[in-house]
């Protein structure tokens, strides 16, 4: 990524240059706001071959989508640069944002779209195959693995639901109970009714032959032939730098990870700070993240307009200020 020249002051600093951050910046730049996107260059979907489920962009490589987004932000005067935000502190009129190896810039508002980190189980082979034939989302990857032997690894409260979703895509689905509790009677009944076989025992590793998964090995040495493994991850919001503002990630109500809470527009409990995308909505796909970024960008602009309007009213009604005439008809 080619960096733009970094100014000292912006209306909005966007931390994170994925779909949410770029779409938020696009809305702000089109509203003639001074905006910069600071991106660490570590997208969650870097290992995926394509973006899916996003109307008009289905099948586009993630890097291509981001390159297009950066060009669009710059077209309207927005800035985009590679960097890692290490600190954010409150100032009288906004925030001081420190970028590692560069400098501190100042912003009236902050939009955080840093996404999340997937915490994978400690099973040999999972990380190496992640985003290829180890997948997590039936809507992101399901069509591409349809009709293949799929193994669903139980890792959390949504694993049974995932097994049913992947069963929609393949007649050959195996549920690996791994370290999860014994199934309740109704859960076992539901899996059996859909023809999903349950395999007990801890999973030790993946069998890989010729750069593809061929099976799942249990701790007792048993190998269950599979070509695809679906696994739910622990999803952890990337937002450590917000601790300095008293805004720490908290457990998500679903139990699948930790996020930064916000209202439907992305507004957090800290005045002047918005969030969008996976940093707050752990299950959001690319399209939903982009839409959330657009919403946050529009609301931030409206918030700035309200502040500027209030300042203009104070200036015109202060002693010696010009007062607009009222004409009665």
C-alpha atoms as a PDB file:
ATOM      1  CA  UNK A   1       0.000   0.000   0.000  1.00  0.00           C
ATOM      2  CA  UNK A   2       1.322   3.448  -0.922  1.00  0.00           C
ATOM      3  CA  UNK A   3       1.073   5.793   2.060  1.00  0.00           C
ATOM      4  CA  UNK A   4      -0.443   9.246   1.834  1.00  0.00           C
ATOM      5  CA  UNK A   5       1.216  12.200   3.550  1.00  0.00           C
ATOM      6  CA  UNK A   6       0.092  12.314   7.173  1.00  0.00           C
ATOM      7  CA  UNK A   7      -1.447  15.572   8.350  1.00  0.00           C
ATOM      8  CA  UNK A   8      -1.420  16.842  11.907  1.00  0.00           C
ATOM      9  CA  UNK A   9      -5.189  17.103  12.374  1.00  0.00           C
ATOM     10  CA  UNK A  10      -8.254  15.345  11.001  1.00  0.00           C
ATOM     11  CA  UNK A  11     -11.964  15.441  11.582  1.00  0.00           C
ATOM     12  CA  UNK A  12     -11.913  11.653  11.894  1.00  0.00           C
ATOM     13  CA  UNK A  13      -9.203   9.024  12.303  1.00  0.00           C
ATOM     14  CA  UNK A  14     -10.338   5.568  11.211  1.00  0.00           C
ATOM     15  CA  UNK A  15      -8.306   2.782  12.833  1.00  0.00           C
ATOM     16  CA  UNK A  16      -8.525  -0.307  10.634  1.00  0.00           C
ATOM     17  CA  UNK A  17      -8.671  -0.475   6.850  1.00  0.00           C
ATOM     18  CA  UNK A  18     -11.010  -3.377   6.125  1.00  0.00           C
ATOM     19  CA  UNK A  19     -14.467  -3.125   4.588  1.00  0.00           C
ATOM     20  CA  UNK A  20     -15.950  -1.357   7.626  1.00  0.00           C
ATOM     21  CA  UNK A  21     -13.183   1.215   7.940  1.00  0.00           C
ATOM     22  CA  UNK A  22     -12.939   2.010   4.256  1.00  0.00           C
ATOM     23  CA  UNK A  23     -16.692   2.361   3.810  1.00  0.00           C
ATOM     24  CA  UNK A  24     -16.891   4.595   6.852  1.00  0.00           C
ATOM     25  CA  UNK A  25     -14.054   6.718   5.469  1.00  0.00           C
ATOM     26  CA  UNK A  26     -15.751   6.847   2.067  1.00  0.00           C
ATOM     27  CA  UNK A  27     -18.926   8.289   3.587  1.00  0.00           C
ATOM     28  CA  UNK A  28     -16.911  10.863   5.513  1.00  0.00           C
ATOM     29  CA  UNK A  29     -14.697  11.853   2.585  1.00  0.00           C
ATOM     30  CA  UNK A  30     -17.761  12.310   0.372  1.00  0.00           C
ATOM     31  CA  UNK A  31     -19.085  14.650   3.084  1.00  0.00           C
ATOM     32  CA  UNK A  32     -15.889  16.701   2.687  1.00  0.00           C
ATOM     33  CA  UNK A  33     -14.475  15.605   6.014  1.00  0.00           C
ATOM     34  CA  UNK A  34     -10.735  15.414   6.619  1.00  0.00           C
ATOM     35  CA  UNK A  35     -10.324  11.679   7.241  1.00  0.00           C
ATOM     36  CA  UNK A  36      -7.435   9.235   7.418  1.00  0.00           C
ATOM     37  CA  UNK A  37      -7.543   5.438   7.521  1.00  0.00           C
ATOM     38  CA  UNK A  38      -4.679   3.855   9.463  1.00  0.00           C
ATOM     39  CA  UNK A  39      -4.409   0.148   8.663  1.00  0.00           C
ATOM     40  CA  UNK A  40      -2.008  -2.387  10.191  1.00  0.00           C
ATOM     41  CA  UNK A  41      -2.294  -4.625   7.108  1.00  0.00           C
ATOM     42  CA  UNK A  42      -3.478  -7.754   8.949  1.00  0.00           C
ATOM     43  CA  UNK A  43      -6.942  -8.555   7.548  1.00  0.00           C
ATOM     44  CA  UNK A  44      -8.797 -11.459   9.125  1.00  0.00           C
ATOM     45  CA  UNK A  45      -9.654 -12.942   5.724  1.00  0.00           C
ATOM     46  CA  UNK A  46      -6.132 -12.737   4.285  1.00  0.00           C
ATOM     47  CA  UNK A  47      -5.959 -16.516   3.831  1.00  0.00           C
ATOM     48  CA  UNK A  48      -9.299 -16.721   2.005  1.00  0.00           C
ATOM     49  CA  UNK A  49      -9.327 -16.936  -1.776  1.00  0.00           C
ATOM     50  CA  UNK A  50     -12.440 -14.835  -2.259  1.00  0.00           C
ATOM     51  CA  UNK A  51     -15.167 -12.781  -0.618  1.00  0.00           C
ATOM     52  CA  UNK A  52     -18.612 -14.368  -0.809  1.00  0.00           C
ATOM     53  CA  UNK A  53     -22.161 -13.295  -0.074  1.00  0.00           C
ATOM     54  CA  UNK A  54     -21.532  -9.639  -0.960  1.00  0.00           C
ATOM     55  CA  UNK A  55     -23.821  -8.480  -3.737  1.00  0.00           C
ATOM     56  CA  UNK A  56     -21.931  -7.252  -6.791  1.00  0.00           C
ATOM     57  CA  UNK A  57     -18.599  -8.468  -5.424  1.00  0.00           C
ATOM     58  CA  UNK A  58     -19.140 -12.194  -4.899  1.00  0.00           C
ATOM     59  CA  UNK A  59     -15.922 -14.057  -5.671  1.00  0.00           C
ATOM     60  CA  UNK A  60     -13.614 -11.042  -5.610  1.00  0.00           C
ATOM     61  CA  UNK A  61     -10.242 -11.664  -3.892  1.00  0.00           C
ATOM     62  CA  UNK A  62     -10.085  -9.836  -0.521  1.00  0.00           C
ATOM     63  CA  UNK A  63      -6.955  -7.880  -1.481  1.00  0.00           C
ATOM     64  CA  UNK A  64      -8.611  -6.659  -4.678  1.00  0.00           C
ATOM     65  CA  UNK A  65     -11.683  -5.459  -2.799  1.00  0.00           C
ATOM     66  CA  UNK A  66      -9.523  -3.505  -0.342  1.00  0.00           C
ATOM     67  CA  UNK A  67      -7.417  -1.974  -3.110  1.00  0.00           C
ATOM     68  CA  UNK A  68     -10.580  -0.752  -4.826  1.00  0.00           C
ATOM     69  CA  UNK A  69     -11.862   0.663  -1.539  1.00  0.00           C
ATOM     70  CA  UNK A  70      -8.644   2.536  -0.848  1.00  0.00           C
ATOM     71  CA  UNK A  71      -8.741   4.078  -4.317  1.00  0.00           C
ATOM     72  CA  UNK A  72     -12.329   5.207  -3.773  1.00  0.00           C
ATOM     73  CA  UNK A  73     -11.506   6.865  -0.438  1.00  0.00           C
ATOM     74  CA  UNK A  74      -8.559   8.688  -2.012  1.00  0.00           C
ATOM     75  CA  UNK A  75     -10.707   9.801  -4.951  1.00  0.00           C
ATOM     76  CA  UNK A  76     -12.643  12.016  -2.538  1.00  0.00           C
ATOM     77  CA  UNK A  77      -9.599  13.380  -0.730  1.00  0.00           C
ATOM     78  CA  UNK A  78      -9.365  10.867   2.093  1.00  0.00           C
ATOM     79  CA  UNK A  79      -5.975   9.592   3.224  1.00  0.00           C
ATOM     80  CA  UNK A  80      -4.964   5.937   3.670  1.00  0.00           C
ATOM     81  CA  UNK A  81      -1.737   4.709   5.199  1.00  0.00           C
ATOM     82  CA  UNK A  82      -0.133   1.606   6.644  1.00  0.00           C
ATOM     83  CA  UNK A  83       0.579   1.808  10.346  1.00  0.00           C
ATOM     84  CA  UNK A  84      -0.239   0.455  13.766  1.00  0.00           C
ATOM     85  CA  UNK A  85      -2.025   2.590  16.331  1.00  0.00           C
ATOM     86  CA  UNK A  86      -0.377   2.042  19.690  1.00  0.00           C
ATOM     87  CA  UNK A  87      -2.098   4.648  21.863  1.00  0.00           C
ATOM     88  CA  UNK A  88      -5.160   6.868  21.935  1.00  0.00           C
ATOM     89  CA  UNK A  89      -5.579   9.560  24.587  1.00  0.00           C
ATOM     90  CA  UNK A  90      -8.291  12.114  25.255  1.00  0.00           C
ATOM     91  CA  UNK A  91      -7.709  15.784  24.447  1.00  0.00           C
ATOM     92  CA  UNK A  92      -9.900  18.807  25.102  1.00  0.00           C
ATOM     93  CA  UNK A  93     -11.235  18.819  21.551  1.00  0.00           C
ATOM     94  CA  UNK A  94     -10.890  15.160  20.593  1.00  0.00           C
ATOM     95  CA  UNK A  95      -8.163  12.538  20.621  1.00  0.00           C
ATOM     96  CA  UNK A  96      -4.429  12.147  20.160  1.00  0.00           C
ATOM     97  CA  UNK A  97      -3.675   9.038  18.094  1.00  0.00           C
ATOM     98  CA  UNK A  98      -0.142   7.652  18.174  1.00  0.00           C
ATOM     99  CA  UNK A  99       1.029   5.657  15.157  1.00  0.00           C
ATOM    100  CA  UNK A 100       4.079   3.429  15.663  1.00  0.00           C
ATOM    101  CA  UNK A 101       7.123   4.658  13.774  1.00  0.00           C
ATOM    102  CA  UNK A 102       5.324   7.753  12.527  1.00  0.00           C
ATOM    103  CA  UNK A 103       3.869  10.355  14.836  1.00  0.00           C
ATOM    104  CA  UNK A 104       0.847  11.436  16.812  1.00  0.00           C
ATOM    105  CA  UNK A 105      -2.096  12.904  14.925  1.00  0.00           C
ATOM    106  CA  UNK A 106      -5.165  14.615  16.293  1.00  0.00           C
ATOM    107  CA  UNK A 107      -8.805  13.807  15.578  1.00  0.00           C
ATOM    108  CA  UNK A 108     -12.148  15.220  16.584  1.00  0.00           C
ATOM    109  CA  UNK A 109     -13.756  11.778  16.318  1.00  0.00           C
ATOM    110  CA  UNK A 110     -12.520   8.180  16.226  1.00  0.00           C
ATOM    111  CA  UNK A 111     -13.904   5.263  14.217  1.00  0.00           C
ATOM    112  CA  UNK A 112     -12.416   1.899  15.252  1.00  0.00           C
ATOM    113  CA  UNK A 113     -12.745  -0.955  12.743  1.00  0.00           C
ATOM    114  CA  UNK A 114      -9.815  -3.153  13.741  1.00  0.00           C
ATOM    115  CA  UNK A 115     -11.730  -6.427  13.476  1.00  0.00           C
ATOM    116  CA  UNK A 116     -10.905  -9.505  15.487  1.00  0.00           C
ATOM    117  CA  UNK A 117      -8.418 -12.339  15.942  1.00  0.00           C
ATOM    118  CA  UNK A 118      -9.541 -15.956  15.572  1.00  0.00           C
ATOM    119  CA  UNK A 119      -8.334 -18.124  18.445  1.00  0.00           C
ATOM    120  CA  UNK A 120      -8.081 -21.665  17.050  1.00  0.00           C
ATOM    121  CA  UNK A 121      -7.959 -24.841  19.169  1.00  0.00           C
ATOM    122  CA  UNK A 122      -4.487 -26.283  19.736  1.00  0.00           C
ATOM    123  CA  UNK A 123      -4.839 -29.103  17.219  1.00  0.00           C
ATOM    124  CA  UNK A 124      -2.011 -29.867  14.792  1.00  0.00           C
ATOM    125  CA  UNK A 125      -2.804 -28.741  11.267  1.00  0.00           C
ATOM    126  CA  UNK A 126      -5.718 -26.393  11.957  1.00  0.00           C
ATOM    127  CA  UNK A 127      -3.799 -23.140  11.664  1.00  0.00           C
ATOM    128  CA  UNK A 128      -1.897 -24.260   8.563  1.00  0.00           C
ATOM    129  CA  UNK A 129      -5.126 -25.152   6.706  1.00  0.00           C
ATOM    130  CA  UNK A 130      -7.128 -22.156   7.991  1.00  0.00           C
ATOM    131  CA  UNK A 131      -9.107 -20.425   5.248  1.00  0.00           C
ATOM    132  CA  UNK A 132      -8.495 -23.288   2.814  1.00  0.00           C
ATOM    133  CA  UNK A 133     -10.078 -26.594   3.844  1.00  0.00           C
ATOM    134  CA  UNK A 134     -10.415 -25.576   7.506  1.00  0.00           C
ATOM    135  CA  UNK A 135     -13.358 -23.178   7.468  1.00  0.00           C
ATOM    136  CA  UNK A 136     -15.639 -21.510   9.969  1.00  0.00           C
ATOM    137  CA  UNK A 137     -18.643 -20.014   8.162  1.00  0.00           C
ATOM    138  CA  UNK A 138     -21.120 -21.871   5.939  1.00  0.00           C
ATOM    139  CA  UNK A 139     -22.120 -18.611   4.274  1.00  0.00           C
ATOM    140  CA  UNK A 140     -18.534 -17.593   3.524  1.00  0.00           C
ATOM    141  CA  UNK A 141     -17.226 -20.993   2.402  1.00  0.00           C
ATOM    142  CA  UNK A 142     -20.147 -23.412   2.232  1.00  0.00           C
ATOM    143  CA  UNK A 143     -20.816 -23.431  -1.498  1.00  0.00           C
ATOM    144  CA  UNK A 144     -17.157 -24.118  -2.176  1.00  0.00           C
ATOM    145  CA  UNK A 145     -17.152 -27.241   0.045  1.00  0.00           C
ATOM    146  CA  UNK A 146     -20.581 -28.554  -0.915  1.00  0.00           C
ATOM    147  CA  UNK A 147     -21.060 -32.315  -1.358  1.00  0.00           C
ATOM    148  CA  UNK A 148     -17.706 -33.104   0.247  1.00  0.00           C
ATOM    149  CA  UNK A 149     -17.097 -35.092   3.454  1.00  0.00           C
ATOM    150  CA  UNK A 150     -17.196 -32.439   6.180  1.00  0.00           C
ATOM    151  CA  UNK A 151     -16.180 -32.731   9.803  1.00  0.00           C
ATOM    152  CA  UNK A 152     -17.557 -30.244  12.324  1.00  0.00           C
ATOM    153  CA  UNK A 153     -15.303 -29.847  15.354  1.00  0.00           C
ATOM    154  CA  UNK A 154     -17.156 -29.018  18.570  1.00  0.00           C
ATOM    155  CA  UNK A 155     -15.521 -25.992  20.160  1.00  0.00           C
ATOM    156  CA  UNK A 156     -18.293 -23.909  21.685  1.00  0.00           C
ATOM    157  CA  UNK A 157     -21.979 -23.120  22.078  1.00  0.00           C
ATOM    158  CA  UNK A 158     -22.622 -22.683  18.333  1.00  0.00           C
ATOM    159  CA  UNK A 159     -21.045 -25.944  17.151  1.00  0.00           C
ATOM    160  CA  UNK A 160     -24.285 -27.944  17.027  1.00  0.00           C
ATOM    161  CA  UNK A 161     -25.932 -25.176  15.044  1.00  0.00           C
ATOM    162  CA  UNK A 162     -22.958 -25.164  12.668  1.00  0.00           C
ATOM    163  CA  UNK A 163     -23.317 -28.907  12.126  1.00  0.00           C
ATOM    164  CA  UNK A 164     -26.916 -28.434  10.999  1.00  0.00           C
ATOM    165  CA  UNK A 165     -25.942 -25.580   8.681  1.00  0.00           C
ATOM    166  CA  UNK A 166     -23.186 -27.591   7.022  1.00  0.00           C
ATOM    167  CA  UNK A 167     -25.597 -30.533   6.691  1.00  0.00           C
ATOM    168  CA  UNK A 168     -27.563 -28.289   4.324  1.00  0.00           C
ATOM    169  CA  UNK A 169     -24.496 -28.324   2.057  1.00  0.00           C
ATOM    170  CA  UNK A 170     -23.435 -31.965   2.241  1.00  0.00           C
ATOM    171  CA  UNK A 171     -25.028 -35.347   2.951  1.00  0.00           C
ATOM    172  CA  UNK A 172     -21.790 -36.493   4.609  1.00  0.00           C
ATOM    173  CA  UNK A 173     -21.267 -34.583   7.850  1.00  0.00           C
ATOM    174  CA  UNK A 174     -19.562 -35.909  10.981  1.00  0.00           C
ATOM    175  CA  UNK A 175     -19.735 -34.135  14.348  1.00  0.00           C
ATOM    176  CA  UNK A 176     -16.541 -34.487  16.406  1.00  0.00           C
ATOM    177  CA  UNK A 177     -17.531 -34.009  20.050  1.00  0.00           C
ATOM    178  CA  UNK A 178     -13.862 -33.527  20.971  1.00  0.00           C
ATOM    179  CA  UNK A 179     -13.700 -32.032  24.494  1.00  0.00           C
ATOM    180  CA  UNK A 180     -17.275 -30.762  24.689  1.00  0.00           C
ATOM    181  CA  UNK A 181     -19.808 -32.128  27.211  1.00  0.00           C
ATOM    182  CA  UNK A 182     -21.874 -35.218  26.512  1.00  0.00           C
ATOM    183  CA  UNK A 183     -24.792 -34.453  24.203  1.00  0.00           C
ATOM    184  CA  UNK A 184     -28.223 -34.058  25.722  1.00  0.00           C
ATOM    185  CA  UNK A 185     -30.846 -36.499  24.477  1.00  0.00           C
ATOM    186  CA  UNK A 186     -32.637 -33.982  22.270  1.00  0.00           C
ATOM    187  CA  UNK A 187     -29.336 -32.830  20.712  1.00  0.00           C
ATOM    188  CA  UNK A 188     -28.324 -36.376  19.837  1.00  0.00           C
ATOM    189  CA  UNK A 189     -31.809 -36.988  18.444  1.00  0.00           C
ATOM    190  CA  UNK A 190     -31.615 -33.929  16.203  1.00  0.00           C
ATOM    191  CA  UNK A 191     -28.213 -34.894  14.809  1.00  0.00           C
ATOM    192  CA  UNK A 192     -29.326 -38.457  14.181  1.00  0.00           C
ATOM    193  CA  UNK A 193     -32.499 -37.296  12.454  1.00  0.00           C
ATOM    194  CA  UNK A 194     -30.386 -35.389   9.950  1.00  0.00           C
ATOM    195  CA  UNK A 195     -27.940 -38.226   9.431  1.00  0.00           C
ATOM    196  CA  UNK A 196     -25.045 -36.479  11.191  1.00  0.00           C
ATOM    197  CA  UNK A 197     -22.767 -39.082  12.768  1.00  0.00           C
ATOM    198  CA  UNK A 198     -21.289 -38.241  16.189  1.00  0.00           C
ATOM    199  CA  UNK A 199     -17.683 -39.226  16.909  1.00  0.00           C
ATOM    200  CA  UNK A 200     -16.540 -39.228  20.537  1.00  0.00           C
ATOM    201  CA  UNK A 201     -12.952 -38.765  21.672  1.00  0.00           C
ATOM    202  CA  UNK A 202     -10.444 -35.936  21.629  1.00  0.00           C
ATOM    203  CA  UNK A 203      -9.160 -34.778  18.250  1.00  0.00           C
ATOM    204  CA  UNK A 204      -5.362 -34.758  18.055  1.00  0.00           C
ATOM    205  CA  UNK A 205      -4.491 -33.618  14.520  1.00  0.00           C
ATOM    206  CA  UNK A 206      -5.447 -33.375  10.883  1.00  0.00           C
ATOM    207  CA  UNK A 207      -4.171 -35.830   8.320  1.00  0.00           C
ATOM    208  CA  UNK A 208      -2.876 -33.976   5.256  1.00  0.00           C
ATOM    209  CA  UNK A 209      -1.784 -35.633   2.009  1.00  0.00           C
ATOM    210  CA  UNK A 210      -0.715 -33.769  -1.116  1.00  0.00           C
ATOM    211  CA  UNK A 211      -1.690 -30.385   0.304  1.00  0.00           C
ATOM    212  CA  UNK A 212      -5.234 -31.382   1.212  1.00  0.00           C
ATOM    213  CA  UNK A 213      -6.996 -32.748   4.270  1.00  0.00           C
ATOM    214  CA  UNK A 214      -7.669 -36.476   4.088  1.00  0.00           C
ATOM    215  CA  UNK A 215      -8.761 -37.210   7.645  1.00  0.00           C
ATOM    216  CA  UNK A 216      -9.120 -36.286  11.300  1.00  0.00           C
ATOM    217  CA  UNK A 217      -6.956 -38.222  13.755  1.00  0.00           C
ATOM    218  CA  UNK A 218      -8.225 -38.886  17.278  1.00  0.00           C
ATOM    219  CA  UNK A 219      -6.044 -39.226  20.361  1.00  0.00           C
ATOM    220  CA  UNK A 220      -6.556 -43.015  20.294  1.00  0.00           C
ATOM    221  CA  UNK A 221      -5.098 -43.186  16.777  1.00  0.00           C
ATOM    222  CA  UNK A 222      -8.384 -43.587  14.927  1.00  0.00           C
ATOM    223  CA  UNK A 223      -8.502 -41.657  11.642  1.00  0.00           C
ATOM    224  CA  UNK A 224     -11.892 -40.552  10.336  1.00  0.00           C
ATOM    225  CA  UNK A 225     -11.722 -39.725   6.604  1.00  0.00           C
ATOM    226  CA  UNK A 226     -12.690 -36.105   5.933  1.00  0.00           C
ATOM    227  CA  UNK A 227     -11.870 -33.504   3.280  1.00  0.00           C
ATOM    228  CA  UNK A 228     -13.089 -30.377   5.081  1.00  0.00           C
ATOM    229  CA  UNK A 229     -13.108 -29.388   8.757  1.00  0.00           C
ATOM    230  CA  UNK A 230     -15.431 -26.697  10.077  1.00  0.00           C
ATOM    231  CA  UNK A 231     -14.403 -25.149  13.362  1.00  0.00           C
ATOM    232  CA  UNK A 232     -15.797 -22.334  15.459  1.00  0.00           C
ATOM    233  CA  UNK A 233     -13.077 -20.063  16.797  1.00  0.00           C
ATOM    234  CA  UNK A 234     -12.775 -17.938  19.884  1.00  0.00           C
ATOM    235  CA  UNK A 235     -13.238 -14.430  18.462  1.00  0.00           C
ATOM    236  CA  UNK A 236     -11.309 -11.675  20.221  1.00  0.00           C
ATOM    237  CA  UNK A 237     -11.735  -8.012  19.293  1.00  0.00           C
ATOM    238  CA  UNK A 238      -8.537  -6.128  18.422  1.00  0.00           C
ATOM    239  CA  UNK A 239      -8.941  -3.098  20.621  1.00  0.00           C
ATOM    240  CA  UNK A 240      -6.221  -3.062  23.254  1.00  0.00           C
ATOM    241  CA  UNK A 241      -5.384   0.590  22.617  1.00  0.00           C
ATOM    242  CA  UNK A 242      -8.909   1.601  23.666  1.00  0.00           C
ATOM    243  CA  UNK A 243      -8.148   0.629  27.262  1.00  0.00           C
ATOM    244  CA  UNK A 244      -6.577   4.064  27.658  1.00  0.00           C
ATOM    245  CA  UNK A 245     -10.015   5.578  27.070  1.00  0.00           C
ATOM    246  CA  UNK A 246     -11.722   3.224  29.508  1.00  0.00           C
ATOM    247  CA  UNK A 247     -13.278   1.227  26.671  1.00  0.00           C
ATOM    248  CA  UNK A 248     -12.343  -2.435  27.100  1.00  0.00           C
ATOM    249  CA  UNK A 249     -13.772  -5.413  25.181  1.00  0.00           C
ATOM    250  CA  UNK A 250     -16.270  -7.515  27.125  1.00  0.00           C
ATOM    251  CA  UNK A 251     -17.696 -11.019  26.648  1.00  0.00           C
ATOM    252  CA  UNK A 252     -20.240 -11.225  23.833  1.00  0.00           C
ATOM    253  CA  UNK A 253     -23.730 -12.366  24.970  1.00  0.00           C
ATOM    254  CA  UNK A 254     -23.498 -15.363  22.599  1.00  0.00           C
ATOM    255  CA  UNK A 255     -20.470 -16.719  24.421  1.00  0.00           C
ATOM    256  CA  UNK A 256     -18.371 -16.949  21.243  1.00  0.00           C
ATOM    257  CA  UNK A 257     -15.817 -14.264  22.120  1.00  0.00           C
ATOM    258  CA  UNK A 258     -15.249 -10.712  23.297  1.00  0.00           C
ATOM    259  CA  UNK A 259     -16.294  -7.482  21.568  1.00  0.00           C
ATOM    260  CA  UNK A 260     -16.618  -3.738  22.053  1.00  0.00           C
ATOM    261  CA  UNK A 261     -20.292  -2.946  22.773  1.00  0.00           C
ATOM    262  CA  UNK A 262     -22.010  -0.213  20.780  1.00  0.00           C
ATOM    263  CA  UNK A 263     -25.485   0.973  19.781  1.00  0.00           C
ATOM    264  CA  UNK A 264     -26.876   0.159  16.299  1.00  0.00           C
ATOM    265  CA  UNK A 265     -25.039   3.135  14.778  1.00  0.00           C
ATOM    266  CA  UNK A 266     -21.676   2.077  16.252  1.00  0.00           C
ATOM    267  CA  UNK A 267     -21.640   4.711  18.993  1.00  0.00           C
ATOM    268  CA  UNK A 268     -19.819   3.494  22.114  1.00  0.00           C
ATOM    269  CA  UNK A 269     -20.169   4.584  25.722  1.00  0.00           C
ATOM    270  CA  UNK A 270     -17.110   6.823  25.277  1.00  0.00           C
ATOM    271  CA  UNK A 271     -18.140  10.137  23.683  1.00  0.00           C
ATOM    272  CA  UNK A 272     -16.567  10.622  20.275  1.00  0.00           C
ATOM    273  CA  UNK A 273     -15.702   6.968  19.692  1.00  0.00           C
ATOM    274  CA  UNK A 274     -17.537   4.733  17.214  1.00  0.00           C
ATOM    275  CA  UNK A 275     -16.881   1.110  16.267  1.00  0.00           C
ATOM    276  CA  UNK A 276     -17.961  -0.940  13.246  1.00  0.00           C
ATOM    277  CA  UNK A 277     -17.409  -4.389  11.789  1.00  0.00           C
ATOM    278  CA  UNK A 278     -16.071  -7.442  13.615  1.00  0.00           C
ATOM    279  CA  UNK A 279     -14.597  -5.452  16.500  1.00  0.00           C
ATOM    280  CA  UNK A 280     -18.186  -5.095  17.749  1.00  0.00           C
ATOM    281  CA  UNK A 281     -20.252  -7.523  15.618  1.00  0.00           C
ATOM    282  CA  UNK A 282     -18.338 -10.797  15.817  1.00  0.00           C
ATOM    283  CA  UNK A 283     -20.475 -12.607  13.236  1.00  0.00           C
ATOM    284  CA  UNK A 284     -20.577  -9.876  10.581  1.00  0.00           C
ATOM    285  CA  UNK A 285     -19.529 -10.870   7.073  1.00  0.00           C
ATOM    286  CA  UNK A 286     -17.800  -8.427   4.724  1.00  0.00           C
ATOM    287  CA  UNK A 287     -21.042  -6.932   3.426  1.00  0.00           C
ATOM    288  CA  UNK A 288     -22.486  -6.378   6.882  1.00  0.00           C
ATOM    289  CA  UNK A 289     -19.216  -4.848   8.062  1.00  0.00           C
ATOM    290  CA  UNK A 290     -19.166  -2.464   5.108  1.00  0.00           C
ATOM    291  CA  UNK A 291     -22.764  -1.444   5.799  1.00  0.00           C
ATOM    292  CA  UNK A 292     -21.985  -0.847   9.481  1.00  0.00           C
ATOM    293  CA  UNK A 293     -19.017   1.296   8.511  1.00  0.00           C
ATOM    294  CA  UNK A 294     -21.204   3.366   6.204  1.00  0.00           C
ATOM    295  CA  UNK A 295     -23.751   3.870   8.979  1.00  0.00           C
ATOM    296  CA  UNK A 296     -21.082   4.902  11.473  1.00  0.00           C
ATOM    297  CA  UNK A 297     -19.515   7.310   8.982  1.00  0.00           C
ATOM    298  CA  UNK A 298     -22.853   9.002   8.324  1.00  0.00           C
ATOM    299  CA  UNK A 299     -23.666   9.311  12.032  1.00  0.00           C
ATOM    300  CA  UNK A 300     -20.215  10.677  12.826  1.00  0.00           C
ATOM    301  CA  UNK A 301     -20.651  13.328  10.133  1.00  0.00           C
ATOM    302  CA  UNK A 302     -24.059  14.244  11.571  1.00  0.00           C
ATOM    303  CA  UNK A 303     -22.518  14.486  15.037  1.00  0.00           C
ATOM    304  CA  UNK A 304     -19.837  16.852  13.733  1.00  0.00           C
ATOM    305  CA  UNK A 305     -22.471  18.941  11.933  1.00  0.00           C
ATOM    306  CA  UNK A 306     -24.443  19.269  15.174  1.00  0.00           C
ATOM    307  CA  UNK A 307     -21.302  20.383  17.015  1.00  0.00           C
ATOM    308  CA  UNK A 308     -20.457  22.917  14.317  1.00  0.00           C
ATOM    309  CA  UNK A 309     -24.022  24.237  14.250  1.00  0.00           C
ATOM    310  CA  UNK A 310     -24.031  24.740  18.006  1.00  0.00           C
ATOM    311  CA  UNK A 311     -20.708  26.577  17.760  1.00  0.00           C
ATOM    312  CA  UNK A 312     -22.066  28.799  14.984  1.00  0.00           C
ATOM    313  CA  UNK A 313     -25.121  29.683  17.073  1.00  0.00           C
ATOM    314  CA  UNK A 314     -22.926  30.595  20.029  1.00  0.00           C
ATOM    315  CA  UNK A 315     -20.754  32.771  17.826  1.00  0.00           C
ATOM    316  CA  UNK A 316     -23.680  34.672  16.321  1.00  0.00           C
ATOM    317  CA  UNK A 317     -25.473  35.249  19.633  1.00  0.00           C
ATOM    318  CA  UNK A 318     -22.415  36.253  21.646  1.00  0.00           C
ATOM    319  CA  UNK A 319     -21.983  39.949  22.483  1.00  0.00           C
ATOM    320  CA  UNK A 320     -20.779  41.685  19.343  1.00  0.00           C
ATOM    321  CA  UNK A 321     -21.773  38.736  17.140  1.00  0.00           C
ATOM    322  CA  UNK A 322     -23.997  39.064  14.095  1.00  0.00           C
ATOM    323  CA  UNK A 323     -27.602  37.988  14.704  1.00  0.00           C
ATOM    324  CA  UNK A 324     -29.684  36.875  11.743  1.00  0.00           C
ATOM    325  CA  UNK A 325     -32.693  39.082  11.129  1.00  0.00           C
ATOM    326  CA  UNK A 326     -36.184  37.604  11.476  1.00  0.00           C
ATOM    327  CA  UNK A 327     -38.673  38.738   8.848  1.00  0.00           C
ATOM    328  CA  UNK A 328     -42.417  38.383   9.505  1.00  0.00           C
ATOM    329  CA  UNK A 329     -44.695  38.025   6.520  1.00  0.00           C
END
